[in-house]
Amino acid sequence: MYTNIIPILRCPHCGAELEIIESRTEDGIKEAVRVLKPGAPLVNSAVYMDETADGAQGVIRFLGENGMAGAEKMFIRRELLAVYGRYFPTVQEKIICEGTAEGAEADLIPCAGEWFANAVLIAR
């Protein structure tokens, strides 16, 4: 059970309060490694973007400015694959779909026009 405090942000467009949960990706992977039977794969899904994208750099800045530095490991492709690589010798990536993000009026972090992918990661 995680007991982190969940930061609350107010949407600048509509004033709604939004909960942003700090990334616990690495802790989850560590726990999966602990409970997996020897040789069993960890199969997980991810949505990520390329770290060189302007939107990704904006996300990294935004998270850092709001006390969540490091949470980008959850969706920056290179970072996520590096976390998996610390615990598994082989990480196979299968992109299910990829495309260009569309903008939305209430985007806290505008990423319109940026590449993203939905992928399945199989770690052994």
N, C-alpha and C. Protein backbone atom coordinates (compact mmCIF):
# COMPACT_ATOMS: atom_id res chain seq x y z
N MET A 1 0.84 -1.17 0.00
CA MET A 1 0.00 0.00 0.00
C MET A 1 0.89 1.24 0.00
N TYR A 2 0.54 2.19 -0.84
CA TYR A 2 1.31 3.42 -0.91
C TYR A 2 0.66 4.47 -0.03
N THR A 3 1.49 5.25 0.63
CA THR A 3 0.96 6.26 1.53
C THR A 3 1.43 7.65 1.15
N ASN A 4 1.78 7.84 -0.12
CA ASN A 4 2.23 9.16 -0.56
C ASN A 4 1.11 10.18 -0.46
N ILE A 5 1.50 11.40 -0.20
CA ILE A 5 0.54 12.50 -0.28
C ILE A 5 0.33 12.79 -1.75
N ILE A 6 -0.91 12.97 -2.15
CA ILE A 6 -1.23 13.23 -3.56
C ILE A 6 -1.35 14.73 -3.75
N PRO A 7 -0.45 15.33 -4.54
CA PRO A 7 -0.53 16.77 -4.77
C PRO A 7 -1.80 17.14 -5.53
N ILE A 8 -2.37 18.25 -5.20
CA ILE A 8 -3.58 18.74 -5.88
C ILE A 8 -3.18 19.98 -6.68
N LEU A 9 -3.59 20.02 -7.92
CA LEU A 9 -3.36 21.18 -8.77
C LEU A 9 -4.69 21.74 -9.22
N ARG A 10 -4.74 23.03 -9.43
CA ARG A 10 -5.97 23.65 -9.91
C ARG A 10 -5.81 23.93 -11.40
N CYS A 11 -6.78 23.46 -12.18
CA CYS A 11 -6.76 23.67 -13.62
C CYS A 11 -6.89 25.16 -13.91
N PRO A 12 -5.97 25.74 -14.70
CA PRO A 12 -6.03 27.17 -14.98
C PRO A 12 -7.20 27.57 -15.87
N HIS A 13 -7.79 26.61 -16.57
CA HIS A 13 -8.88 26.92 -17.49
C HIS A 13 -10.24 26.91 -16.81
N CYS A 14 -10.49 25.89 -15.98
CA CYS A 14 -11.83 25.76 -15.40
C CYS A 14 -11.86 25.81 -13.88
N GLY A 15 -10.68 25.83 -13.23
CA GLY A 15 -10.63 25.91 -11.78
C GLY A 15 -10.82 24.58 -11.07
N ALA A 16 -11.02 23.50 -11.82
CA ALA A 16 -11.23 22.19 -11.19
C ALA A 16 -9.95 21.74 -10.50
N GLU A 17 -10.11 21.07 -9.37
CA GLU A 17 -8.95 20.52 -8.68
C GLU A 17 -8.63 19.16 -9.29
N LEU A 18 -7.37 18.95 -9.61
CA LEU A 18 -6.93 17.72 -10.24
C LEU A 18 -5.89 17.04 -9.38
N GLU A 19 -6.04 15.76 -9.14
CA GLU A 19 -5.06 15.01 -8.37
C GLU A 19 -4.00 14.49 -9.33
N ILE A 20 -2.75 14.67 -8.99
CA ILE A 20 -1.66 14.11 -9.77
C ILE A 20 -0.88 13.21 -8.83
N ILE A 21 -0.87 11.93 -9.16
CA ILE A 21 -0.19 10.95 -8.31
C ILE A 21 1.26 10.86 -8.72
N GLU A 22 2.15 11.02 -7.76
CA GLU A 22 3.57 10.91 -8.02
C GLU A 22 3.89 9.51 -8.53
N SER A 23 4.78 9.44 -9.49
CA SER A 23 5.12 8.16 -10.09
C SER A 23 5.72 7.21 -9.07
N ARG A 24 5.20 6.00 -9.03
CA ARG A 24 5.76 4.95 -8.18
C ARG A 24 6.16 3.77 -9.07
N THR A 25 6.49 4.08 -10.32
CA THR A 25 6.79 3.05 -11.30
C THR A 25 7.90 2.13 -10.84
N GLU A 26 9.02 2.68 -10.41
CA GLU A 26 10.15 1.83 -10.05
C GLU A 26 9.82 0.96 -8.85
N ASP A 27 9.11 1.50 -7.87
CA ASP A 27 8.72 0.69 -6.71
C ASP A 27 7.82 -0.47 -7.15
N GLY A 28 6.93 -0.22 -8.08
CA GLY A 28 6.04 -1.27 -8.57
C GLY A 28 6.79 -2.36 -9.31
N ILE A 29 7.77 -1.96 -10.11
CA ILE A 29 8.57 -2.95 -10.85
C ILE A 29 9.40 -3.77 -9.87
N LYS A 30 9.98 -3.12 -8.87
CA LYS A 30 10.76 -3.83 -7.85
C LYS A 30 9.90 -4.88 -7.13
N GLU A 31 8.68 -4.50 -6.81
CA GLU A 31 7.77 -5.43 -6.13
C GLU A 31 7.38 -6.57 -7.05
N ALA A 32 7.17 -6.28 -8.33
CA ALA A 32 6.85 -7.35 -9.29
C ALA A 32 7.99 -8.35 -9.38
N VAL A 33 9.22 -7.85 -9.43
CA VAL A 33 10.39 -8.73 -9.48
C VAL A 33 10.42 -9.64 -8.25
N ARG A 34 10.07 -9.07 -7.11
CA ARG A 34 10.10 -9.83 -5.86
C ARG A 34 9.11 -10.98 -5.87
N VAL A 35 7.92 -10.79 -6.44
CA VAL A 35 6.88 -11.81 -6.37
C VAL A 35 6.79 -12.71 -7.60
N LEU A 36 7.45 -12.34 -8.69
CA LEU A 36 7.41 -13.19 -9.88
C LEU A 36 8.13 -14.51 -9.65
N LYS A 37 7.58 -15.57 -10.22
CA LYS A 37 8.27 -16.85 -10.19
C LYS A 37 9.51 -16.73 -11.06
N PRO A 38 10.57 -17.46 -10.75
CA PRO A 38 11.79 -17.40 -11.57
C PRO A 38 11.48 -17.66 -13.05
N GLY A 39 11.98 -16.79 -13.90
CA GLY A 39 11.78 -16.93 -15.34
C GLY A 39 10.46 -16.39 -15.87
N ALA A 40 9.54 -16.01 -14.98
CA ALA A 40 8.25 -15.49 -15.42
C ALA A 40 8.42 -14.06 -15.93
N PRO A 41 7.70 -13.70 -17.00
CA PRO A 41 7.82 -12.33 -17.53
C PRO A 41 6.91 -11.36 -16.79
N LEU A 42 7.29 -10.12 -16.81
CA LEU A 42 6.42 -9.03 -16.37
C LEU A 42 5.87 -8.40 -17.63
N VAL A 43 4.56 -8.39 -17.78
CA VAL A 43 3.91 -7.79 -18.94
C VAL A 43 3.16 -6.56 -18.45
N ASN A 44 3.47 -5.43 -19.03
CA ASN A 44 2.89 -4.17 -18.58
C ASN A 44 2.61 -3.29 -19.78
N SER A 45 1.74 -2.32 -19.61
CA SER A 45 1.47 -1.38 -20.71
C SER A 45 1.98 -0.01 -20.32
N ALA A 46 2.24 0.79 -21.32
CA ALA A 46 2.77 2.13 -21.09
C ALA A 46 2.27 3.07 -22.18
N VAL A 47 2.15 4.32 -21.81
CA VAL A 47 1.93 5.40 -22.78
C VAL A 47 3.13 6.30 -22.60
N TYR A 48 3.85 6.54 -23.67
CA TYR A 48 5.01 7.40 -23.50
C TYR A 48 5.27 8.27 -24.72
N MET A 49 6.15 9.23 -24.50
CA MET A 49 6.55 10.15 -25.55
C MET A 49 8.07 10.23 -25.57
N ASP A 50 8.59 10.77 -26.63
CA ASP A 50 10.04 10.89 -26.80
C ASP A 50 10.54 12.07 -25.98
N GLU A 51 11.64 11.88 -25.27
CA GLU A 51 12.16 12.93 -24.39
C GLU A 51 12.61 14.18 -25.13
N THR A 52 12.90 14.06 -26.43
CA THR A 52 13.38 15.23 -27.17
C THR A 52 12.23 16.14 -27.62
N ALA A 53 11.02 15.68 -27.46
CA ALA A 53 9.86 16.48 -27.87
C ALA A 53 9.71 17.71 -26.97
N ASP A 54 9.28 18.81 -27.56
CA ASP A 54 9.05 20.02 -26.77
C ASP A 54 8.05 19.75 -25.64
N GLY A 55 7.01 18.98 -25.94
CA GLY A 55 6.00 18.66 -24.93
C GLY A 55 6.59 17.90 -23.76
N ALA A 56 7.50 16.96 -24.05
CA ALA A 56 8.13 16.18 -22.98
C ALA A 56 8.98 17.08 -22.10
N GLN A 57 9.71 17.99 -22.71
CA GLN A 57 10.51 18.92 -21.92
C GLN A 57 9.62 19.80 -21.05
N GLY A 58 8.46 20.17 -21.58
CA GLY A 58 7.49 20.94 -20.80
C GLY A 58 6.96 20.15 -19.62
N VAL A 59 6.70 18.87 -19.84
CA VAL A 59 6.22 18.00 -18.78
C VAL A 59 7.28 17.89 -17.68
N ILE A 60 8.53 17.67 -18.07
CA ILE A 60 9.62 17.55 -17.10
C ILE A 60 9.73 18.83 -16.26
N ARG A 61 9.67 19.99 -16.93
CA ARG A 61 9.71 21.28 -16.20
C ARG A 61 8.53 21.39 -15.25
N PHE A 62 7.33 21.10 -15.77
CA PHE A 62 6.10 21.23 -14.99
C PHE A 62 6.18 20.36 -13.73
N LEU A 63 6.59 19.10 -13.88
CA LEU A 63 6.66 18.21 -12.73
C LEU A 63 7.69 18.69 -11.72
N GLY A 64 8.84 19.15 -12.20
CA GLY A 64 9.87 19.67 -11.30
C GLY A 64 9.39 20.88 -10.53
N GLU A 65 8.70 21.79 -11.22
CA GLU A 65 8.20 23.01 -10.57
C GLU A 65 7.10 22.73 -9.57
N ASN A 66 6.46 21.56 -9.67
CA ASN A 66 5.35 21.23 -8.79
C ASN A 66 5.69 20.11 -7.81
N GLY A 67 6.99 19.97 -7.50
CA GLY A 67 7.42 19.04 -6.47
C GLY A 67 7.34 17.57 -6.86
N MET A 68 7.33 17.27 -8.16
CA MET A 68 7.21 15.88 -8.60
C MET A 68 8.34 15.49 -9.53
N ALA A 69 9.52 16.07 -9.31
CA ALA A 69 10.67 15.72 -10.16
C ALA A 69 10.90 14.22 -10.11
N GLY A 70 11.17 13.63 -11.24
CA GLY A 70 11.37 12.19 -11.34
C GLY A 70 10.14 11.43 -11.79
N ALA A 71 8.97 12.04 -11.68
CA ALA A 71 7.74 11.36 -12.10
C ALA A 71 7.70 11.13 -13.61
N GLU A 72 8.55 11.84 -14.34
CA GLU A 72 8.58 11.66 -15.80
C GLU A 72 9.06 10.27 -16.20
N LYS A 73 9.68 9.55 -15.28
CA LYS A 73 10.13 8.19 -15.59
C LYS A 73 8.96 7.32 -16.04
N MET A 74 7.76 7.72 -15.67
CA MET A 74 6.58 6.95 -16.00
C MET A 74 6.22 7.03 -17.48
N PHE A 75 6.58 8.11 -18.16
CA PHE A 75 6.10 8.24 -19.54
C PHE A 75 7.13 8.76 -20.54
N ILE A 76 8.34 8.99 -20.11
CA ILE A 76 9.41 9.32 -21.06
C ILE A 76 10.03 7.99 -21.47
N ARG A 77 9.97 7.66 -22.73
CA ARG A 77 10.34 6.34 -23.23
C ARG A 77 11.70 5.87 -22.71
N ARG A 78 12.73 6.66 -22.90
CA ARG A 78 14.08 6.27 -22.49
C ARG A 78 14.14 5.99 -20.98
N GLU A 79 13.51 6.85 -20.20
CA GLU A 79 13.51 6.70 -18.73
C GLU A 79 12.81 5.41 -18.30
N LEU A 80 11.64 5.16 -18.88
CA LEU A 80 10.88 3.97 -18.51
C LEU A 80 11.63 2.70 -18.87
N LEU A 81 12.21 2.66 -20.07
CA LEU A 81 12.97 1.48 -20.47
C LEU A 81 14.22 1.29 -19.60
N ALA A 82 14.82 2.38 -19.16
CA ALA A 82 15.98 2.29 -18.26
C ALA A 82 15.59 1.70 -16.91
N VAL A 83 14.43 2.09 -16.38
CA VAL A 83 13.98 1.54 -15.10
C VAL A 83 13.77 0.03 -15.25
N TYR A 84 13.09 -0.39 -16.29
CA TYR A 84 12.89 -1.83 -16.51
C TYR A 84 14.24 -2.54 -16.65
N GLY A 85 15.16 -1.91 -17.37
CA GLY A 85 16.47 -2.50 -17.61
C GLY A 85 17.29 -2.72 -16.35
N ARG A 86 16.99 -1.98 -15.29
CA ARG A 86 17.71 -2.19 -14.03
C ARG A 86 17.32 -3.51 -13.36
N TYR A 87 16.15 -4.03 -13.70
CA TYR A 87 15.64 -5.22 -13.02
C TYR A 87 15.51 -6.44 -13.92
N PHE A 88 15.55 -6.23 -15.23
CA PHE A 88 15.39 -7.32 -16.18
C PHE A 88 16.45 -7.22 -17.26
N PRO A 89 17.09 -8.34 -17.62
CA PRO A 89 18.11 -8.29 -18.66
C PRO A 89 17.53 -8.05 -20.06
N THR A 90 16.26 -8.42 -20.27
CA THR A 90 15.64 -8.25 -21.58
C THR A 90 14.31 -7.53 -21.43
N VAL A 91 14.12 -6.48 -22.19
CA VAL A 91 12.84 -5.76 -22.22
C VAL A 91 12.42 -5.66 -23.68
N GLN A 92 11.32 -6.31 -23.99
CA GLN A 92 10.79 -6.30 -25.36
C GLN A 92 9.65 -5.29 -25.41
N GLU A 93 9.69 -4.46 -26.42
CA GLU A 93 8.71 -3.39 -26.57
C GLU A 93 7.86 -3.67 -27.81
N LYS A 94 6.54 -3.67 -27.64
CA LYS A 94 5.64 -3.84 -28.77
C LYS A 94 4.71 -2.64 -28.80
N ILE A 95 4.91 -1.79 -29.79
CA ILE A 95 4.05 -0.60 -29.90
C ILE A 95 2.72 -1.03 -30.49
N ILE A 96 1.66 -0.75 -29.76
CA ILE A 96 0.31 -1.10 -30.17
C ILE A 96 -0.24 -0.04 -31.12
N CYS A 97 -0.02 1.20 -30.77
CA CYS A 97 -0.40 2.30 -31.65
C CYS A 97 0.48 3.50 -31.32
N GLU A 98 0.63 4.35 -32.29
CA GLU A 98 1.38 5.59 -32.07
C GLU A 98 0.75 6.66 -32.94
N GLY A 99 1.01 7.88 -32.59
CA GLY A 99 0.45 8.97 -33.36
C GLY A 99 0.90 10.31 -32.84
N THR A 100 0.17 11.31 -33.24
CA THR A 100 0.45 12.68 -32.85
C THR A 100 -0.68 13.15 -31.94
N ALA A 101 -0.31 13.66 -30.79
CA ALA A 101 -1.31 14.11 -29.82
C ALA A 101 -2.08 15.31 -30.34
N GLU A 102 -3.36 15.32 -30.04
CA GLU A 102 -4.20 16.47 -30.35
C GLU A 102 -4.31 17.32 -29.10
N GLY A 103 -4.46 18.60 -29.26
CA GLY A 103 -4.61 19.48 -28.12
C GLY A 103 -6.02 19.47 -27.58
N ALA A 104 -6.14 19.81 -26.32
CA ALA A 104 -7.44 19.96 -25.67
C ALA A 104 -7.42 21.25 -24.87
N GLU A 105 -8.55 21.90 -24.80
CA GLU A 105 -8.62 23.20 -24.14
C GLU A 105 -8.13 23.16 -22.69
N ALA A 106 -8.39 22.08 -21.98
CA ALA A 106 -8.03 22.00 -20.56
C ALA A 106 -6.69 21.32 -20.31
N ASP A 107 -5.85 21.17 -21.33
CA ASP A 107 -4.54 20.56 -21.12
C ASP A 107 -3.74 21.36 -20.11
N LEU A 108 -3.29 20.71 -19.04
CA LEU A 108 -2.41 21.37 -18.09
C LEU A 108 -1.02 21.55 -18.70
N ILE A 109 -0.62 20.56 -19.47
CA ILE A 109 0.69 20.59 -20.13
C ILE A 109 0.44 20.37 -21.61
N PRO A 110 0.43 21.42 -22.40
CA PRO A 110 0.12 21.25 -23.82
C PRO A 110 1.14 20.36 -24.53
N CYS A 111 0.64 19.33 -25.20
CA CYS A 111 1.48 18.39 -25.95
C CYS A 111 0.97 18.21 -27.37
N ALA A 112 0.13 19.13 -27.83
CA ALA A 112 -0.42 19.01 -29.19
C ALA A 112 0.72 18.94 -30.20
N GLY A 113 0.57 18.02 -31.14
CA GLY A 113 1.56 17.87 -32.19
C GLY A 113 2.74 17.01 -31.83
N GLU A 114 2.77 16.46 -30.61
CA GLU A 114 3.89 15.63 -30.16
C GLU A 114 3.60 14.15 -30.41
N TRP A 115 4.66 13.39 -30.72
CA TRP A 115 4.54 11.95 -30.91
C TRP A 115 4.30 11.28 -29.56
N PHE A 116 3.45 10.26 -29.58
CA PHE A 116 3.24 9.41 -28.40
C PHE A 116 3.02 7.99 -28.87
N ALA A 117 3.17 7.05 -27.97
CA ALA A 117 2.92 5.64 -28.30
C ALA A 117 2.28 4.94 -27.12
N ASN A 118 1.39 4.01 -27.44
CA ASN A 118 0.87 3.06 -26.46
C ASN A 118 1.62 1.77 -26.73
N ALA A 119 2.24 1.21 -25.72
CA ALA A 119 3.07 0.04 -25.92
C ALA A 119 2.83 -1.01 -24.84
N VAL A 120 3.17 -2.23 -25.19
CA VAL A 120 3.22 -3.31 -24.22
C VAL A 120 4.70 -3.62 -24.01
N LEU A 121 5.09 -3.70 -22.75
CA LEU A 121 6.48 -4.03 -22.40
C LEU A 121 6.50 -5.41 -21.79
N ILE A 122 7.36 -6.26 -22.31
CA ILE A 122 7.50 -7.62 -21.80
C ILE A 122 8.93 -7.74 -21.30
N ALA A 123 9.06 -7.85 -19.99
CA ALA A 123 10.38 -7.89 -19.36
C ALA A 123 10.64 -9.29 -18.83
N ARG A 124 11.84 -9.80 -19.12
CA ARG A 124 12.22 -11.15 -18.67
C ARG A 124 13.57 -11.09 -17.98
